[in-house]
Each structure stands twice: as structure tokens, then as C-alpha cells.
Amino acid sequence: MRSVRQFMQVAVLLAAAAPTRERADAPVDARLAAPFTADANDALYQWDSWRDYNASPGLEKISVAVLAINSADDERNPPELGVLP
């Protein structure tokens, strides 16, 4: 229920910041009018680099605490899959 309230609060804040169509469009129009200063090849490289990325060699170096709670009504990782012990 908390996340629903947060989404509703964001909508209220956005409506207060941009109560009209013109005020809502202004930041988008300003961004689109701004010059694109980045190199298009950098953007393409970033999107393309995921295909051959392999995190496996460095995974043993990662050490973190994890709290994972799996419930019977979990749609993404139901207990039957055995994803969580």
C-alpha cells in the first residue's frame, strides 16, 4: 500500500509543478531544443557493450548482505522454482 501512496504523491507533486499543458511541456521542449553535446558513437557503444559483457569472473569478489523474503503469492519467483532457499 505504501508504494501506491508514493505514486499518488508523485502525481500530486507533478500536477502542482505543471498545472497546465504549457507548463508541463516547457521542460520537454527546453530539453529537445538544447544542443546534443554527446558523441553519438559513445551512446551506441554503451548500448552495444552489454552483448559481450560477462560479470562471472568477478562475482566471487562481491560480498554483501542480502535480505530476500519470498512469499507464496510471489508472481516473479514462486517458491516452487527454488530461486530462494
PDB file of N, CA and C in Angstrom:
ATOM      1  N   MET A   1       0.818  -1.192   0.000  1.00  0.00           N
ATOM      2  CA  MET A   1       0.000   0.000   0.000  1.00  0.00           C
ATOM      3  C   MET A   1       0.866   1.262   0.000  1.00  0.00           C
ATOM      4  N   ARG A   2       2.056   1.151   0.586  1.00  0.00           N
ATOM      5  CA  ARG A   2       2.937   2.309   0.657  1.00  0.00           C
ATOM      6  C   ARG A   2       3.317   2.791  -0.737  1.00  0.00           C
ATOM      7  N   SER A   3       3.621   1.861  -1.646  1.00  0.00           N
ATOM      8  CA  SER A   3       4.035   2.254  -2.992  1.00  0.00           C
ATOM      9  C   SER A   3       2.903   2.949  -3.730  1.00  0.00           C
ATOM     10  N   VAL A   4       1.671   2.546  -3.508  1.00  0.00           N
ATOM     11  CA  VAL A   4       0.532   3.203  -4.145  1.00  0.00           C
ATOM     12  C   VAL A   4       0.452   4.649  -3.674  1.00  0.00           C
ATOM     13  N   ARG A   5       0.649   4.867  -2.381  1.00  0.00           N
ATOM     14  CA  ARG A   5       0.626   6.233  -1.850  1.00  0.00           C
ATOM     15  C   ARG A   5       1.761   7.061  -2.440  1.00  0.00           C
ATOM     16  N   GLN A   6       2.928   6.455  -2.610  1.00  0.00           N
ATOM     17  CA  GLN A   6       4.051   7.180  -3.188  1.00  0.00           C
ATOM     18  C   GLN A   6       3.749   7.582  -4.624  1.00  0.00           C
ATOM     19  N   PHE A   7       3.166   6.672  -5.407  1.00  0.00           N
ATOM     20  CA  PHE A   7       2.808   7.002  -6.787  1.00  0.00           C
ATOM     21  C   PHE A   7       1.780   8.126  -6.822  1.00  0.00           C
ATOM     22  N   MET A   8       0.807   8.077  -5.916  1.00  0.00           N
ATOM     23  CA  MET A   8      -0.202   9.122  -5.872  1.00  0.00           C
ATOM     24  C   MET A   8       0.427  10.453  -5.481  1.00  0.00           C
ATOM     25  N   GLN A   9       1.382  10.424  -4.558  1.00  0.00           N
ATOM     26  CA  GLN A   9       2.040  11.648  -4.118  1.00  0.00           C
ATOM     27  C   GLN A   9       2.848  12.261  -5.262  1.00  0.00           C
ATOM     28  N   VAL A  10       3.518  11.452  -6.040  1.00  0.00           N
ATOM     29  CA  VAL A  10       4.283  11.962  -7.179  1.00  0.00           C
ATOM     30  C   VAL A  10       3.344  12.638  -8.174  1.00  0.00           C
ATOM     31  N   ALA A  11       2.207  12.035  -8.430  1.00  0.00           N
ATOM     32  CA  ALA A  11       1.252  12.625  -9.362  1.00  0.00           C
ATOM     33  C   ALA A  11       0.768  13.983  -8.856  1.00  0.00           C
ATOM     34  N   VAL A  12       0.526  14.099  -7.561  1.00  0.00           N
ATOM     35  CA  VAL A  12       0.089  15.368  -6.982  1.00  0.00           C
ATOM     36  C   VAL A  12       1.188  16.413  -7.117  1.00  0.00           C
ATOM     37  N   LEU A  13       2.435  16.039  -6.842  1.00  0.00           N
ATOM     38  CA  LEU A  13       3.550  16.972  -6.961  1.00  0.00           C
ATOM     39  C   LEU A  13       3.754  17.422  -8.405  1.00  0.00           C
ATOM     40  N   LEU A  14       3.645  16.497  -9.349  1.00  0.00           N
ATOM     41  CA  LEU A  14       3.779  16.862 -10.761  1.00  0.00           C
ATOM     42  C   LEU A  14       2.652  17.793 -11.194  1.00  0.00           C
ATOM     43  N   ALA A  15       1.453  17.520 -10.744  1.00  0.00           N
ATOM     44  CA  ALA A  15       0.325  18.377 -11.099  1.00  0.00           C
ATOM     45  C   ALA A  15       0.486  19.776 -10.521  1.00  0.00           C
ATOM     46  N   ALA A  16       1.051  19.873  -9.323  1.00  0.00           N
ATOM     47  CA  ALA A  16       1.277  21.183  -8.715  1.00  0.00           C
ATOM     48  C   ALA A  16       2.387  21.944  -9.439  1.00  0.00           C
ATOM     49  N   ALA A  17       3.412  21.235  -9.896  1.00  0.00           N
ATOM     50  CA  ALA A  17       4.531  21.880 -10.587  1.00  0.00           C
ATOM     51  C   ALA A  17       4.156  22.303 -12.004  1.00  0.00           C
ATOM     52  N   ALA A  18       3.259  21.582 -12.628  1.00  0.00           N
ATOM     53  CA  ALA A  18       2.871  21.876 -14.010  1.00  0.00           C
ATOM     54  C   ALA A  18       1.357  21.750 -14.145  1.00  0.00           C
ATOM     55  N   PRO A  19       0.622  22.761 -13.679  1.00  0.00           N
ATOM     56  CA  PRO A  19      -0.843  22.656 -13.687  1.00  0.00           C
ATOM     57  C   PRO A  19      -1.478  22.815 -15.072  1.00  0.00           C
ATOM     58  N   THR A  20      -0.720  23.295 -16.030  1.00  0.00           N
ATOM     59  CA  THR A  20      -1.278  23.464 -17.373  1.00  0.00           C
ATOM     60  C   THR A  20      -0.443  22.664 -18.374  1.00  0.00           C
ATOM     61  N   ARG A  21      -1.009  22.464 -19.543  1.00  0.00           N
ATOM     62  CA  ARG A  21      -0.292  21.730 -20.584  1.00  0.00           C
ATOM     63  C   ARG A  21       0.987  22.466 -20.979  1.00  0.00           C
ATOM     64  N   GLU A  22       0.908  23.788 -21.072  1.00  0.00           N
ATOM     65  CA  GLU A  22       2.071  24.579 -21.457  1.00  0.00           C
ATOM     66  C   GLU A  22       3.200  24.436 -20.437  1.00  0.00           C
ATOM     67  N   ARG A  23       2.867  24.473 -19.152  1.00  0.00           N
ATOM     68  CA  ARG A  23       3.896  24.337 -18.108  1.00  0.00           C
ATOM     69  C   ARG A  23       4.457  22.927 -18.075  1.00  0.00           C
ATOM     70  N   ALA A  24       3.650  21.934 -18.415  1.00  0.00           N
ATOM     71  CA  ALA A  24       4.136  20.550 -18.451  1.00  0.00           C
ATOM     72  C   ALA A  24       5.040  20.318 -19.659  1.00  0.00           C
ATOM     73  N   ASP A  25       4.719  20.968 -20.777  1.00  0.00           N
ATOM     74  CA  ASP A  25       5.517  20.795 -21.991  1.00  0.00           C
ATOM     75  C   ASP A  25       6.815  21.589 -21.971  1.00  0.00           C
ATOM     76  N   ALA A  26       6.886  22.646 -21.173  1.00  0.00           N
ATOM     77  CA  ALA A  26       8.055  23.537 -21.187  1.00  0.00           C
ATOM     78  C   ALA A  26       9.377  22.805 -20.932  1.00  0.00           C
ATOM     79  N   PRO A  27       9.509  21.950 -19.892  1.00  0.00           N
ATOM     80  CA  PRO A  27      10.793  21.271 -19.691  1.00  0.00           C
ATOM     81  C   PRO A  27      11.154  20.317 -20.831  1.00  0.00           C
ATOM     82  N   VAL A  28      10.156  19.676 -21.400  1.00  0.00           N
ATOM     83  CA  VAL A  28      10.409  18.763 -22.518  1.00  0.00           C
ATOM     84  C   VAL A  28      10.872  19.551 -23.738  1.00  0.00           C
ATOM     85  N   ASP A  29      10.186  20.651 -24.014  1.00  0.00           N
ATOM     86  CA  ASP A  29      10.567  21.489 -25.155  1.00  0.00           C
ATOM     87  C   ASP A  29      11.974  22.052 -24.975  1.00  0.00           C
ATOM     88  N   ALA A  30      12.306  22.472 -23.745  1.00  0.00           N
ATOM     89  CA  ALA A  30      13.643  23.016 -23.486  1.00  0.00           C
ATOM     90  C   ALA A  30      14.710  21.949 -23.703  1.00  0.00           C
ATOM     91  N   ARG A  31      14.440  20.737 -23.270  1.00  0.00           N
ATOM     92  CA  ARG A  31      15.417  19.660 -23.433  1.00  0.00           C
ATOM     93  C   ARG A  31      15.610  19.315 -24.905  1.00  0.00           C
ATOM     94  N   LEU A  32      14.507  19.284 -25.633  1.00  0.00           N
ATOM     95  CA  LEU A  32      14.601  18.964 -27.056  1.00  0.00           C
ATOM     96  C   LEU A  32      15.282  20.079 -27.846  1.00  0.00           C
ATOM     97  N   ALA A  33      15.162  21.329 -27.388  1.00  0.00           N
ATOM     98  CA  ALA A  33      15.784  22.455 -28.074  1.00  0.00           C
ATOM     99  C   ALA A  33      17.266  22.589 -27.749  1.00  0.00           C
ATOM    100  N   ALA A  34      17.700  21.987 -26.642  1.00  0.00           N
ATOM    101  CA  ALA A  34      19.105  22.092 -26.231  1.00  0.00           C
ATOM    102  C   ALA A  34      19.982  21.317 -27.208  1.00  0.00           C
ATOM    103  N   PRO A  35      21.189  21.810 -27.430  1.00  0.00           N
ATOM    104  CA  PRO A  35      22.085  21.088 -28.342  1.00  0.00           C
ATOM    105  C   PRO A  35      22.519  19.751 -27.743  1.00  0.00           C
ATOM    106  N   PHE A  36      22.671  18.774 -28.602  1.00  0.00           N
ATOM    107  CA  PHE A  36      23.146  17.458 -28.173  1.00  0.00           C
ATOM    108  C   PHE A  36      24.670  17.492 -28.214  1.00  0.00           C
ATOM    109  N   THR A  37      25.296  17.497 -27.033  1.00  0.00           N
ATOM    110  CA  THR A  37      26.749  17.670 -26.971  1.00  0.00           C
ATOM    111  C   THR A  37      27.512  16.362 -26.850  1.00  0.00           C
ATOM    112  N   ALA A  38      26.804  15.279 -26.649  1.00  0.00           N
ATOM    113  CA  ALA A  38      27.485  13.991 -26.506  1.00  0.00           C
ATOM    114  C   ALA A  38      27.830  13.420 -27.886  1.00  0.00           C
ATOM    115  N   ASP A  39      28.747  12.482 -27.889  1.00  0.00           N
ATOM    116  CA  ASP A  39      29.129  11.805 -29.117  1.00  0.00           C
ATOM    117  C   ASP A  39      28.182  10.631 -29.345  1.00  0.00           C
ATOM    118  N   ALA A  40      27.534  10.594 -30.485  1.00  0.00           N
ATOM    119  CA  ALA A  40      26.587   9.521 -30.783  1.00  0.00           C
ATOM    120  C   ALA A  40      27.258   8.155 -30.731  1.00  0.00           C
ATOM    121  N   ASN A  41      28.539   8.071 -31.078  1.00  0.00           N
ATOM    122  CA  ASN A  41      29.241   6.791 -31.027  1.00  0.00           C
ATOM    123  C   ASN A  41      29.362   6.280 -29.597  1.00  0.00           C
ATOM    124  N   ASP A  42      29.504   7.197 -28.617  1.00  0.00           N
ATOM    125  CA  ASP A  42      29.552   6.775 -27.224  1.00  0.00           C
ATOM    126  C   ASP A  42      28.238   6.135 -26.805  1.00  0.00           C
ATOM    127  N   ALA A  43      27.142   6.738 -27.211  1.00  0.00           N
ATOM    128  CA  ALA A  43      25.831   6.178 -26.882  1.00  0.00           C
ATOM    129  C   ALA A  43      25.663   4.802 -27.518  1.00  0.00           C
ATOM    130  N   LEU A  44      26.067   4.677 -28.776  1.00  0.00           N
ATOM    131  CA  LEU A  44      25.958   3.377 -29.446  1.00  0.00           C
ATOM    132  C   LEU A  44      26.838   2.334 -28.769  1.00  0.00           C
ATOM    133  N   TYR A  45      28.043   2.727 -28.350  1.00  0.00           N
ATOM    134  CA  TYR A  45      28.941   1.800 -27.675  1.00  0.00           C
ATOM    135  C   TYR A  45      28.321   1.329 -26.358  1.00  0.00           C
ATOM    136  N   GLN A  46      27.736   2.254 -25.618  1.00  0.00           N
ATOM    137  CA  GLN A  46      27.124   1.879 -24.348  1.00  0.00           C
ATOM    138  C   GLN A  46      25.997   0.876 -24.550  1.00  0.00           C
ATOM    139  N   TRP A  47      25.164   1.092 -25.552  1.00  0.00           N
ATOM    140  CA  TRP A  47      24.067   0.163 -25.808  1.00  0.00           C
ATOM    141  C   TRP A  47      24.582  -1.179 -26.327  1.00  0.00           C
ATOM    142  N   ASP A  48      25.643  -1.168 -27.106  1.00  0.00           N
ATOM    143  CA  ASP A  48      26.149  -2.388 -27.716  1.00  0.00           C
ATOM    144  C   ASP A  48      27.023  -3.206 -26.772  1.00  0.00           C
ATOM    145  N   SER A  49      27.583  -2.571 -25.744  1.00  0.00           N
ATOM    146  CA  SER A  49      28.563  -3.252 -24.896  1.00  0.00           C
ATOM    147  C   SER A  49      27.966  -4.366 -24.036  1.00  0.00           C
ATOM    148  N   TRP A  50      26.678  -4.376 -23.832  1.00  0.00           N
ATOM    149  CA  TRP A  50      26.083  -5.399 -22.987  1.00  0.00           C
ATOM    150  C   TRP A  50      26.150  -6.785 -23.615  1.00  0.00           C
ATOM    151  N   ARG A  51      26.255  -6.857 -24.940  1.00  0.00           N
ATOM    152  CA  ARG A  51      26.173  -8.162 -25.605  1.00  0.00           C
ATOM    153  C   ARG A  51      27.304  -9.108 -25.240  1.00  0.00           C
ATOM    154  N   ASP A  52      28.515  -8.586 -25.051  1.00  0.00           N
ATOM    155  CA  ASP A  52      29.626  -9.471 -24.728  1.00  0.00           C
ATOM    156  C   ASP A  52      30.155  -9.272 -23.303  1.00  0.00           C
ATOM    157  N   TYR A  53      29.375  -8.578 -22.470  1.00  0.00           N
ATOM    158  CA  TYR A  53      29.795  -8.371 -21.085  1.00  0.00           C
ATOM    159  C   TYR A  53      29.561  -9.639 -20.282  1.00  0.00           C
ATOM    160  N   ASN A  54      30.563 -10.032 -19.494  1.00  0.00           N
ATOM    161  CA  ASN A  54      30.463 -11.225 -18.667  1.00  0.00           C
ATOM    162  C   ASN A  54      30.924 -10.876 -17.258  1.00  0.00           C
ATOM    163  N   ALA A  55      30.002 -10.813 -16.326  1.00  0.00           N
ATOM    164  CA  ALA A  55      30.332 -10.465 -14.947  1.00  0.00           C
ATOM    165  C   ALA A  55      30.838 -11.667 -14.149  1.00  0.00           C
ATOM    166  N   SER A  56      30.735 -12.855 -14.685  1.00  0.00           N
ATOM    167  CA  SER A  56      31.083 -14.070 -13.947  1.00  0.00           C
ATOM    168  C   SER A  56      32.484 -14.080 -13.340  1.00  0.00           C
ATOM    169  N   PRO A  57      33.536 -13.639 -14.037  1.00  0.00           N
ATOM    170  CA  PRO A  57      34.869 -13.720 -13.454  1.00  0.00           C
ATOM    171  C   PRO A  57      35.047 -12.925 -12.158  1.00  0.00           C
ATOM    172  N   GLY A  58      34.282 -11.873 -11.958  1.00  0.00           N
ATOM    173  CA  GLY A  58      34.468 -11.054 -10.761  1.00  0.00           C
ATOM    174  C   GLY A  58      33.423 -11.267  -9.688  1.00  0.00           C
ATOM    175  N   LEU A  59      32.505 -12.201  -9.874  1.00  0.00           N
ATOM    176  CA  LEU A  59      31.424 -12.380  -8.913  1.00  0.00           C
ATOM    177  C   LEU A  59      31.916 -12.821  -7.539  1.00  0.00           C
ATOM    178  N   GLU A  60      32.991 -13.589  -7.477  1.00  0.00           N
ATOM    179  CA  GLU A  60      33.471 -14.061  -6.168  1.00  0.00           C
ATOM    180  C   GLU A  60      34.032 -12.911  -5.330  1.00  0.00           C
ATOM    181  N   LYS A  61      34.313 -11.781  -5.925  1.00  0.00           N
ATOM    182  CA  LYS A  61      34.827 -10.630  -5.189  1.00  0.00           C
ATOM    183  C   LYS A  61      33.721  -9.851  -4.484  1.00  0.00           C
ATOM    184  N   ILE A  62      32.483 -10.089  -4.847  1.00  0.00           N
ATOM    185  CA  ILE A  62      31.358  -9.347  -4.277  1.00  0.00           C
ATOM    186  C   ILE A  62      30.909 -10.013  -2.988  1.00  0.00           C
ATOM    187  N   SER A  63      30.821  -9.216  -1.932  1.00  0.00           N
ATOM    188  CA  SER A  63      30.365  -9.719  -0.642  1.00  0.00           C
ATOM    189  C   SER A  63      29.400  -8.700  -0.038  1.00  0.00           C
ATOM    190  N   VAL A  64      28.124  -9.054   0.012  1.00  0.00           N
ATOM    191  CA  VAL A  64      27.108  -8.155   0.550  1.00  0.00           C
ATOM    192  C   VAL A  64      26.076  -8.954   1.331  1.00  0.00           C
ATOM    193  N   ALA A  65      25.419  -8.274   2.245  1.00  0.00           N
ATOM    194  CA  ALA A  65      24.306  -8.890   2.967  1.00  0.00           C
ATOM    195  C   ALA A  65      23.045  -8.726   2.130  1.00  0.00           C
ATOM    196  N   VAL A  66      22.223  -9.769   2.081  1.00  0.00           N
ATOM    197  CA  VAL A  66      21.005  -9.734   1.287  1.00  0.00           C
ATOM    198  C   VAL A  66      19.841 -10.174   2.156  1.00  0.00           C
ATOM    199  N   LEU A  67      18.761  -9.410   2.076  1.00  0.00           N
ATOM    200  CA  LEU A  67      17.520  -9.800   2.736  1.00  0.00           C
ATOM    201  C   LEU A  67      16.521 -10.105   1.630  1.00  0.00           C
ATOM    202  N   ALA A  68      16.125 -11.336   1.505  1.00  0.00           N
ATOM    203  CA  ALA A  68      15.169 -11.738   0.481  1.00  0.00           C
ATOM    204  C   ALA A  68      14.025 -12.478   1.151  1.00  0.00           C
ATOM    205  N   ILE A  69      12.836 -11.964   0.960  1.00  0.00           N
ATOM    206  CA  ILE A  69      11.647 -12.580   1.535  1.00  0.00           C
ATOM    207  C   ILE A  69      10.784 -13.073   0.389  1.00  0.00           C
ATOM    208  N   ASN A  70      10.562 -14.356   0.349  1.00  0.00           N
ATOM    209  CA  ASN A  70       9.765 -14.951  -0.709  1.00  0.00           C
ATOM    210  C   ASN A  70       8.446 -15.422  -0.108  1.00  0.00           C
ATOM    211  N   SER A  71       7.355 -15.005  -0.707  1.00  0.00           N
ATOM    212  CA  SER A  71       6.047 -15.409  -0.197  1.00  0.00           C
ATOM    213  C   SER A  71       5.352 -16.310  -1.207  1.00  0.00           C
ATOM    214  N   ALA A  72       4.347 -16.978  -0.753  1.00  0.00           N
ATOM    215  CA  ALA A  72       3.646 -17.936  -1.610  1.00  0.00           C
ATOM    216  C   ALA A  72       2.982 -17.260  -2.803  1.00  0.00           C
ATOM    217  N   ASP A  73       2.652 -15.973  -2.685  1.00  0.00           N
ATOM    218  CA  ASP A  73       1.984 -15.287  -3.796  1.00  0.00           C
ATOM    219  C   ASP A  73       2.946 -14.464  -4.647  1.00  0.00           C
ATOM    220  N   ASP A  74       4.238 -14.771  -4.572  1.00  0.00           N
ATOM    221  CA  ASP A  74       5.234 -14.072  -5.371  1.00  0.00           C
ATOM    222  C   ASP A  74       5.070 -14.505  -6.827  1.00  0.00           C
ATOM    223  N   GLU A  75       4.727 -13.549  -7.701  1.00  0.00           N
ATOM    224  CA  GLU A  75       4.485 -13.883  -9.106  1.00  0.00           C
ATOM    225  C   GLU A  75       5.773 -14.089  -9.883  1.00  0.00           C
ATOM    226  N   ARG A  76       6.831 -13.367  -9.540  1.00  0.00           N
ATOM    227  CA  ARG A  76       8.087 -13.431 -10.293  1.00  0.00           C
ATOM    228  C   ARG A  76       8.928 -14.658  -9.916  1.00  0.00           C
ATOM    229  N   ASN A  77       9.022 -14.928  -8.628  1.00  0.00           N
ATOM    230  CA  ASN A  77       9.840 -16.053  -8.145  1.00  0.00           C
ATOM    231  C   ASN A  77       9.026 -16.907  -7.179  1.00  0.00           C
ATOM    232  N   PRO A  78       8.099 -17.700  -7.675  1.00  0.00           N
ATOM    233  CA  PRO A  78       7.308 -18.526  -6.766  1.00  0.00           C
ATOM    234  C   PRO A  78       8.208 -19.540  -6.062  1.00  0.00           C
ATOM    235  N   PRO A  79       7.844 -19.944  -4.847  1.00  0.00           N
ATOM    236  CA  PRO A  79       8.667 -20.896  -4.097  1.00  0.00           C
ATOM    237  C   PRO A  79       8.956 -22.180  -4.857  1.00  0.00           C
ATOM    238  N   GLU A  80       8.078 -22.579  -5.755  1.00  0.00           N
ATOM    239  CA  GLU A  80       8.268 -23.824  -6.497  1.00  0.00           C
ATOM    240  C   GLU A  80       9.510 -23.797  -7.379  1.00  0.00           C
ATOM    241  N   LEU A  81       9.981 -22.613  -7.769  1.00  0.00           N
ATOM    242  CA  LEU A  81      11.165 -22.526  -8.617  1.00  0.00           C
ATOM    243  C   LEU A  81      12.442 -22.788  -7.856  1.00  0.00           C
ATOM    244  N   GLY A  82      12.436 -22.617  -6.555  1.00  0.00           N
ATOM    245  CA  GLY A  82      13.624 -22.838  -5.762  1.00  0.00           C
ATOM    246  C   GLY A  82      14.687 -21.767  -5.947  1.00  0.00           C
ATOM    247  N   VAL A  83      14.287 -20.568  -6.374  1.00  0.00           N
ATOM    248  CA  VAL A  83      15.266 -19.486  -6.572  1.00  0.00           C
ATOM    249  C   VAL A  83      15.866 -19.065  -5.247  1.00  0.00           C
ATOM    250  N   LEU A  84      15.023 -18.965  -4.229  1.00  0.00           N
ATOM    251  CA  LEU A  84      15.497 -18.627  -2.878  1.00  0.00           C
ATOM    252  C   LEU A  84      15.453 -19.863  -2.004  1.00  0.00           C
ATOM    253  N   PRO A  85      16.502 -20.088  -1.220  1.00  0.00           N
ATOM    254  CA  PRO A  85      16.499 -21.282  -0.370  1.00  0.00           C
ATOM    255  C   PRO A  85      15.475 -21.203   0.736  1.00  0.00           C
TER     256      PRO A  85
END
